[in-house]
């Protein structure tokens, strides 16, 4: 089994806050490179035939980095929506219980991602049946390593936003939060 890039669920021009050019590079080049490299690194090893999730939770070094980046990117692209949507009731209830309000969650998520130093990812994770938490990971980090269930992520590597936002990471994050695919996020709840 080899890994393949997951197609975008929308047209590259359908996302109001990211350009087609960003998707051409981010999805078409960066993501593809992680997939290609992960495939090369698993060939002929004990990891051949394993899922990206199995590799992420057991591997280290270059194989972990490329497998995690491949998984993280596929997940991130699924978190992006093309229109502003309501948060499904069950998820909104959990957000309100864990962060006091949706507005408080959004502020904390944006602040966490803005201050996530260097390259990495900011996540909303489920740590237990009714417990949500915002976590930052560096580089290719993935919260599955810590036993958490990823619900939402935003890519804060510069390649995710630099063509459209340059050094304005906070603006990118504010726009990202406006266009999250909340149905996808809710579908990850355990």
Foldseek 3Di string as FASTA:
>chain_A
DADDQDDQPDDQPLAPQDHSVLCCCVRVPVLRVLRVQLRVVPPPHPCPPPQLLVCCQPHDDPNNLSSLSNVVSSQASLFFARAFDDADPVVQVLCCVAQVHPVSVLVVQLVVLLPLPAWWKWFWWAPDQRDIDIDTDHRSDDCVNVVIFTLHMDTSHCSNPCVRQNSPSSVSSVSRVRGTPNVSSVVRRD
